[in-house]
Amino acid sequence: MEEELYYDAIDLLKKLIATPSISRDESAAANIVENFLRNICNNVTRINNNVIAYAPEYDASKPTLLLNSHIDTVKPAAGWTRDPFSPTVEDDRLYGLGSNDAGASLVSLIAAFRYLCDMDRSYNLIFAASAEEEVSGKNGISSVIPTLPHIDVAIVGEPTGMNPAIAEKGLMVLDVEVDGVAGHAARNEGVNAIYESLRVIEGFRNMTFPKTSKTLGPIKLSVTQIEAGTQHNVVPALCKMVVDVRTTDAYSNEETLHIIREQLPGCRITPRSTRLNPSSIDPEHPLVKRLAFLDRAPFGSPTLSDQALMNWQSLKLGPGDSSRSHTADEYIELKEIREAIHLYITLLSNINLKQ
């Protein structure tokens, strides 16, 4: 049966590559996924451009596993030598936009879901194909989560070489303002907001936190933009900065923000959002332990996924290589999809998800 699942997965991925699905414009691709799932499952729902399928025989007394990957893509990068929307196979590689990120994970997880629907399981199983992942849009997985039953754990399909990312960094973007007093640049008057901001910049550069993530290491803060002044002869009264903060599972985003404000008084720090939280899974979780038995090495991931919006344990696992994502001539090796389907099925067959 795995051979049939594999060839159906390849056909489905080719259809998706040929169907543009840039973030916030995924309707046509969602139609393809929805129709495919309705042919294998009786309980399929659609929320915006997200498609959710429930395996039969839901039992509230059992733990629930969510399988998730996304159907949207970024816009084609510069430098493509092929039509990004024409699926092309060369030397066992399938080229096309979204083939690696995350079409291969999507179709491989659908294949595993299809297989597991007909198997006896000690857990409930839900599959969600999400939209707007690349832009962390509010009509993506965020709009699905309130409709789901209690979820105990999730596998998020992203290109990881089928090694489990057991922790993932979160993201906060901070707008920082430092005040000065305007004055004439030719006279000794005013308070230069740029000079006042040097203390703040150094504070971000040298900031440390009491706790460090065992998997993800320290929180990373980077001042990435700065703006001040109106003209050459006016001492600036305001300096604005943008700070990129990559958070870890040592703290929530709100906790991280509180510590930053405590360490840098005297300036205004406003987060654009705190919703993209770090995520992780217990290293002793049955999924992680079985993956270790299958010689799959856990690691911490610096890149964001829909995990950032999930408030339950999750890991990231999928075919392909993250370095191919968002690049020209993106591709997936066909053998990677075959191996992914086999590993997902091996991982999830006869497993007890209760900790």
Protein backbone atom coordinates (compact mmCIF):
# COMPACT_ATOMS: atom_id res chain seq x y z
CA MET A 1 0.00 0.00 0.00
CA GLU A 2 2.91 2.39 0.64
CA GLU A 3 3.72 2.33 -3.08
CA GLU A 4 0.20 3.45 -3.92
CA LEU A 5 0.39 6.15 -1.26
CA TYR A 6 3.70 7.34 -2.69
CA TYR A 7 2.52 7.66 -6.29
CA ASP A 8 -0.70 9.38 -5.22
CA ALA A 9 1.35 11.79 -3.11
CA ILE A 10 3.58 12.67 -6.07
CA ASP A 11 0.54 13.29 -8.28
CA LEU A 12 -1.05 15.48 -5.62
CA LEU A 13 2.15 17.48 -5.16
CA LYS A 14 2.41 18.09 -8.91
CA LYS A 15 -1.14 19.44 -8.94
CA LEU A 16 -0.36 21.75 -6.04
CA ILE A 17 2.83 23.07 -7.65
CA ALA A 18 0.84 23.84 -10.80
CA THR A 19 -1.70 25.79 -8.72
CA PRO A 20 -0.33 29.13 -7.44
CA SER A 21 -0.98 29.44 -3.71
CA ILE A 22 0.84 32.55 -2.53
CA SER A 23 -0.05 33.38 1.08
CA ARG A 24 -3.57 34.82 1.39
CA ASP A 25 -4.46 33.51 -2.08
CA GLU A 26 -4.65 29.76 -1.44
CA SER A 27 -8.27 29.06 -2.38
CA ALA A 28 -7.54 26.99 -5.51
CA ALA A 29 -4.94 24.87 -3.71
CA ALA A 30 -7.29 24.42 -0.76
CA ASN A 31 -9.92 23.13 -3.18
CA ILE A 32 -7.49 20.48 -4.44
CA VAL A 33 -6.59 19.34 -0.92
CA GLU A 34 -10.21 19.37 0.21
CA ASN A 35 -11.36 17.24 -2.73
CA PHE A 36 -8.52 14.77 -2.16
CA LEU A 37 -9.32 14.42 1.55
CA ARG A 38 -13.05 14.02 0.93
CA ASN A 39 -12.24 10.97 -1.19
CA ILE A 40 -10.51 9.27 1.75
CA CYS A 41 -12.34 10.65 4.79
CA ASN A 42 -16.00 11.33 5.65
CA ASN A 43 -15.39 14.12 8.16
CA VAL A 44 -13.75 17.07 6.38
CA THR A 45 -14.33 20.74 7.14
CA ARG A 46 -13.11 24.00 5.62
CA ILE A 47 -12.35 27.19 7.54
CA ASN A 48 -11.22 30.04 5.30
CA ASN A 49 -8.56 28.28 3.19
CA ASN A 50 -7.70 25.75 5.87
CA VAL A 51 -8.83 22.14 5.39
CA ILE A 52 -9.32 19.87 8.40
CA ALA A 53 -9.96 16.12 8.32
CA TYR A 54 -10.91 13.93 11.28
CA ALA A 55 -10.07 10.23 11.31
CA PRO A 56 -12.97 7.96 12.27
CA GLU A 57 -13.99 6.92 15.78
CA TYR A 58 -13.12 9.96 17.87
CA ASP A 59 -12.96 9.04 21.56
CA ALA A 60 -12.61 11.85 24.10
CA SER A 61 -10.88 9.47 26.54
CA LYS A 62 -7.94 9.03 24.16
CA PRO A 63 -5.10 11.48 23.49
CA THR A 64 -5.37 13.43 20.25
CA LEU A 65 -2.61 13.85 17.67
CA LEU A 66 -2.70 16.67 15.13
CA LEU A 67 -0.83 16.36 11.83
CA ASN A 68 -0.29 19.74 10.20
CA SER A 69 1.45 21.30 7.24
CA HIS A 70 0.75 24.36 5.12
CA ILE A 71 -0.49 24.84 1.56
CA ASP A 72 0.71 28.39 0.95
CA THR A 73 4.02 29.49 -0.52
CA VAL A 74 6.11 32.64 -0.70
CA LYS A 75 6.34 34.52 -3.99
CA PRO A 76 8.91 33.10 -6.42
CA ALA A 77 12.41 34.35 -5.66
CA ALA A 78 14.52 35.98 -8.33
CA GLY A 79 16.69 33.67 -10.37
CA TRP A 80 14.36 30.84 -11.33
CA THR A 81 15.57 29.07 -14.47
CA ARG A 82 12.31 27.10 -14.74
CA ASP A 83 8.65 28.03 -14.54
CA PRO A 84 8.06 27.84 -10.76
CA PHE A 85 4.49 26.67 -11.39
CA SER A 86 5.39 23.86 -13.81
CA PRO A 87 6.26 20.66 -11.90
CA THR A 88 9.34 19.19 -13.56
CA VAL A 89 11.14 15.94 -12.70
CA GLU A 90 14.84 15.75 -13.48
CA ASP A 91 17.33 13.27 -11.99
CA ASP A 92 14.82 12.10 -9.37
CA ARG A 93 14.17 15.69 -8.28
CA LEU A 94 10.77 17.36 -8.50
CA TYR A 95 11.20 21.09 -9.15
CA GLY A 96 8.56 23.70 -8.43
CA LEU A 97 7.59 26.45 -6.01
CA GLY A 98 6.54 24.93 -2.68
CA SER A 99 7.91 21.49 -3.51
CA ASN A 100 10.28 21.54 -0.54
CA ASP A 101 8.49 24.11 1.66
CA ALA A 102 6.21 22.51 2.48
CA GLY A 103 4.46 20.58 -0.28
CA ALA A 104 6.46 17.40 0.27
CA SER A 105 5.59 17.40 3.98
CA LEU A 106 1.95 18.14 3.20
CA VAL A 107 1.44 15.25 0.78
CA SER A 108 3.53 12.83 2.88
CA LEU A 109 1.46 13.59 5.98
CA ILE A 110 -1.75 13.18 3.98
CA ALA A 111 -0.47 9.77 2.86
CA ALA A 112 0.25 8.77 6.46
CA PHE A 113 -3.14 10.09 7.58
CA ARG A 114 -4.81 8.05 4.84
CA TYR A 115 -3.00 4.91 5.98
CA LEU A 116 -3.66 5.46 9.68
CA CYS A 117 -7.38 6.19 9.19
CA ASP A 118 -7.90 2.48 8.51
CA MET A 119 -5.70 1.26 11.35
CA ASP A 120 -6.50 0.54 14.98
CA ARG A 121 -5.09 3.42 17.01
CA SER A 122 -4.83 4.23 20.69
CA TYR A 123 -5.23 7.92 19.87
CA ASN A 124 -7.49 10.29 17.94
CA LEU A 125 -6.09 11.63 14.69
CA ILE A 126 -6.71 14.99 12.98
CA PHE A 127 -5.07 16.40 9.88
CA ALA A 128 -5.00 20.15 9.17
CA ALA A 129 -3.74 21.74 5.95
CA SER A 130 -3.23 25.35 6.94
CA ALA A 131 -3.14 28.61 5.01
CA GLU A 132 -1.18 31.85 5.54
CA GLU A 133 1.68 30.08 7.32
CA GLU A 134 4.36 32.06 5.50
CA VAL A 135 2.90 35.34 6.77
CA SER A 136 1.60 34.07 10.15
CA GLY A 137 -1.80 35.33 9.03
CA LYS A 138 -4.82 35.38 11.30
CA ASN A 139 -6.89 33.46 8.72
CA GLY A 140 -4.46 30.56 8.92
CA ILE A 141 -4.09 28.02 11.71
CA SER A 142 -5.14 30.69 14.24
CA SER A 143 -8.66 30.58 12.84
CA VAL A 144 -8.73 26.77 13.10
CA ILE A 145 -7.46 26.28 16.65
CA PRO A 146 -10.65 27.48 18.42
CA THR A 147 -12.68 24.87 16.51
CA LEU A 148 -10.49 21.89 17.43
CA PRO A 149 -10.99 19.51 20.33
CA HIS A 150 -8.28 19.24 22.95
CA ILE A 151 -4.96 18.50 21.24
CA ASP A 152 -2.26 16.66 23.17
CA VAL A 153 0.56 16.80 20.65
CA ALA A 154 1.20 17.83 17.05
CA ILE A 155 3.58 16.94 14.26
CA VAL A 156 4.17 19.94 12.01
CA GLY A 157 5.42 19.11 8.53
CA GLU A 158 8.35 21.30 7.51
CA PRO A 159 11.63 20.39 5.76
CA THR A 160 13.86 18.97 8.51
CA GLY A 161 15.48 16.03 6.71
CA MET A 162 13.09 13.87 8.76
CA ASN A 163 15.00 14.71 11.94
CA PRO A 164 12.77 16.07 14.71
CA ALA A 165 13.00 19.71 15.66
CA ILE A 166 11.94 19.38 19.29
CA ALA A 167 12.08 23.12 19.97
CA GLU A 168 11.54 26.15 17.80
CA LYS A 169 12.39 29.78 18.40
CA GLY A 170 9.64 32.35 18.62
CA LEU A 171 9.69 35.91 17.31
CA MET A 172 8.99 39.38 18.60
CA VAL A 173 9.58 42.58 16.68
CA LEU A 174 9.98 45.56 19.00
CA ASP A 175 9.56 49.25 18.19
CA VAL A 176 11.81 51.21 20.55
CA GLU A 177 11.74 54.98 21.07
CA VAL A 178 14.38 57.06 22.89
CA ASP A 179 13.67 60.71 23.70
CA GLY A 180 15.97 63.71 23.54
CA VAL A 181 15.42 67.47 23.37
CA ALA A 182 15.56 69.36 20.08
CA GLY A 183 18.12 72.14 19.72
CA HIS A 184 20.29 73.94 17.19
CA ALA A 185 23.26 71.82 16.13
CA ALA A 186 25.56 74.88 16.06
CA ARG A 187 25.00 75.72 19.71
CA ASN A 188 25.49 73.72 22.89
CA GLU A 189 21.82 73.07 23.48
CA GLY A 190 19.34 70.24 23.34
CA VAL A 191 19.78 66.56 24.18
CA ASN A 192 20.72 64.38 21.22
CA ALA A 193 18.37 61.40 21.08
CA ILE A 194 20.90 59.50 18.95
CA TYR A 195 23.53 59.77 21.69
CA GLU A 196 20.92 58.80 24.30
CA SER A 197 20.09 55.73 22.23
CA LEU A 198 23.67 54.41 22.38
CA ARG A 199 23.03 53.15 25.90
CA VAL A 200 19.93 51.35 24.69
CA ILE A 201 21.69 49.82 21.69
CA GLU A 202 24.48 48.55 23.92
CA GLY A 203 21.86 47.23 26.32
CA PHE A 204 20.30 45.12 23.57
CA ARG A 205 23.71 44.03 22.32
CA ASN A 206 24.90 42.81 25.72
CA MET A 207 21.61 41.67 27.27
CA THR A 208 21.56 38.31 29.02
CA PHE A 209 18.75 36.32 30.59
CA PRO A 210 18.85 34.19 33.74
CA LYS A 211 17.65 31.04 31.93
CA THR A 212 19.01 29.52 28.72
CA SER A 213 17.21 26.92 26.62
CA LYS A 214 18.96 23.53 26.60
CA THR A 215 17.91 23.02 22.98
CA LEU A 216 17.83 26.50 21.46
CA GLY A 217 20.55 28.27 23.45
CA PRO A 218 20.26 31.96 24.41
CA ILE A 219 17.65 34.45 23.28
CA LYS A 220 18.97 36.44 20.30
CA LEU A 221 18.37 40.20 20.09
CA SER A 222 19.38 42.29 17.07
CA VAL A 223 18.90 46.01 16.47
CA THR A 224 18.07 45.94 12.76
CA GLN A 225 16.77 49.44 11.92
CA ILE A 226 17.34 52.94 13.29
CA GLU A 227 15.79 56.30 12.38
CA ALA A 228 16.38 59.78 13.78
CA GLY A 229 16.62 63.43 12.80
CA THR A 230 14.81 65.78 10.45
CA GLN A 231 17.69 67.84 9.04
CA HIS A 232 21.43 68.32 9.46
CA ASN A 233 21.34 71.34 11.78
CA VAL A 234 18.71 70.16 14.27
CA VAL A 235 19.62 68.05 17.29
CA PRO A 236 17.12 65.16 17.09
CA ALA A 237 14.50 64.90 19.82
CA LEU A 238 13.55 61.30 19.01
CA CYS A 239 15.40 58.17 17.93
CA LYS A 240 13.44 55.13 16.77
CA MET A 241 14.77 51.59 16.53
CA VAL A 242 13.47 48.21 15.43
CA VAL A 243 14.70 45.17 17.33
CA ASP A 244 14.37 41.56 16.17
CA VAL A 245 14.03 39.19 19.14
CA ARG A 246 14.28 35.42 18.64
CA THR A 247 12.81 33.92 21.78
CA THR A 248 13.31 30.43 23.21
CA ASP A 249 11.32 27.94 25.22
CA ALA A 250 13.03 29.21 28.38
CA TYR A 251 10.41 31.99 28.51
CA SER A 252 7.15 32.97 26.87
CA ASN A 253 7.22 36.07 24.70
CA GLU A 254 5.41 38.05 27.40
CA GLU A 255 7.98 37.00 30.00
CA THR A 256 10.82 37.92 27.65
CA LEU A 257 9.29 41.35 27.03
CA HIS A 258 8.95 41.97 30.77
CA ILE A 259 12.65 41.19 31.36
CA ILE A 260 13.75 43.44 28.47
CA ARG A 261 11.72 46.37 29.84
CA GLU A 262 13.18 45.83 33.31
CA GLN A 263 16.74 45.92 31.95
CA LEU A 264 16.18 48.97 29.73
CA PRO A 265 14.25 51.64 31.63
CA GLY A 266 14.02 55.12 30.19
CA CYS A 267 12.84 54.16 26.73
CA ARG A 268 9.52 53.07 25.24
CA ILE A 269 9.40 49.44 24.05
CA THR A 270 6.33 48.34 22.11
CA PRO A 271 5.96 44.85 20.63
CA ARG A 272 4.24 44.62 17.27
CA SER A 273 2.94 41.24 18.44
CA THR A 274 3.61 38.64 21.12
CA ARG A 275 1.62 35.85 19.44
CA LEU A 276 4.54 34.02 17.76
CA ASN A 277 5.74 32.12 20.80
CA PRO A 278 8.57 29.60 21.07
CA SER A 279 7.49 25.96 21.14
CA SER A 280 8.84 22.64 22.33
CA ILE A 281 8.10 19.05 23.26
CA ASP A 282 9.24 17.03 26.25
CA PRO A 283 12.41 15.10 25.21
CA GLU A 284 10.87 12.10 26.99
CA HIS A 285 7.67 12.22 24.94
CA PRO A 286 6.87 8.87 23.25
CA LEU A 287 7.19 10.46 19.80
CA VAL A 288 10.68 11.74 20.53
CA LYS A 289 11.75 8.47 22.09
CA ARG A 290 10.53 6.43 19.13
CA LEU A 291 12.27 8.78 16.70
CA ALA A 292 15.48 8.32 18.67
CA PHE A 293 15.01 4.54 18.36
CA LEU A 294 14.70 5.11 14.60
CA ASP A 295 18.07 6.93 14.64
CA ARG A 296 16.55 10.36 14.08
CA ALA A 297 18.56 13.09 15.82
CA PRO A 298 16.64 15.85 17.63
CA PHE A 299 17.66 19.48 17.19
CA GLY A 300 16.47 23.02 17.88
CA SER A 301 15.13 25.04 14.97
CA PRO A 302 15.71 28.78 14.45
CA THR A 303 12.93 29.10 11.84
CA LEU A 304 9.24 29.77 12.48
CA SER A 305 6.30 27.54 11.59
CA ASP A 306 2.67 27.17 12.64
CA GLN A 307 4.04 25.72 15.89
CA ALA A 308 4.41 29.31 17.07
CA LEU A 309 0.63 29.56 17.29
CA MET A 310 -0.02 26.23 19.02
CA ASN A 311 -0.46 26.07 22.78
CA TRP A 312 0.27 22.34 23.07
CA GLN A 313 3.40 20.23 22.69
CA SER A 314 4.65 19.86 19.14
CA LEU A 315 7.62 18.85 17.05
CA LYS A 316 8.60 19.70 13.49
CA LEU A 317 9.33 16.79 11.14
CA GLY A 318 9.30 16.57 7.37
CA PRO A 319 11.17 15.67 4.18
CA GLY A 320 13.49 18.08 2.43
CA ASP A 321 16.08 20.59 3.55
CA SER A 322 15.34 23.98 5.07
CA SER A 323 18.19 25.53 3.06
CA ARG A 324 16.18 24.94 -0.16
CA SER A 325 13.18 26.90 1.13
CA HIS A 326 12.39 30.25 -0.51
CA THR A 327 15.12 29.74 -3.13
CA ALA A 328 15.10 29.77 -6.91
CA ASP A 329 14.70 26.34 -8.53
CA GLU A 330 13.32 24.88 -5.31
CA TYR A 331 13.09 21.09 -5.41
CA ILE A 332 12.38 17.93 -3.44
CA GLU A 333 14.02 14.59 -4.08
CA LEU A 334 11.40 11.95 -4.85
CA LYS A 335 13.10 9.45 -2.59
CA GLU A 336 12.68 11.91 0.28
CA ILE A 337 8.90 11.68 -0.08
CA ARG A 338 9.01 7.88 -0.20
CA GLU A 339 11.17 7.78 2.92
CA ALA A 340 8.97 10.33 4.70
CA ILE A 341 5.77 8.36 4.14
CA HIS A 342 7.45 5.21 5.44
CA LEU A 343 8.87 6.96 8.50
CA TYR A 344 5.60 8.70 9.40
CA ILE A 345 3.75 5.38 9.20
CA THR A 346 6.43 3.55 11.20
CA LEU A 347 6.47 6.31 13.81
CA LEU A 348 2.72 6.46 14.29
CA SER A 349 1.73 2.80 14.04
CA ASN A 350 1.09 1.08 17.37
CA ILE A 351 2.35 3.97 19.47
CA ASN A 352 0.97 4.92 22.85
CA LEU A 353 0.94 8.72 23.10
CA LYS A 354 0.08 8.84 26.80
CA GLN A 355 2.98 10.17 28.86
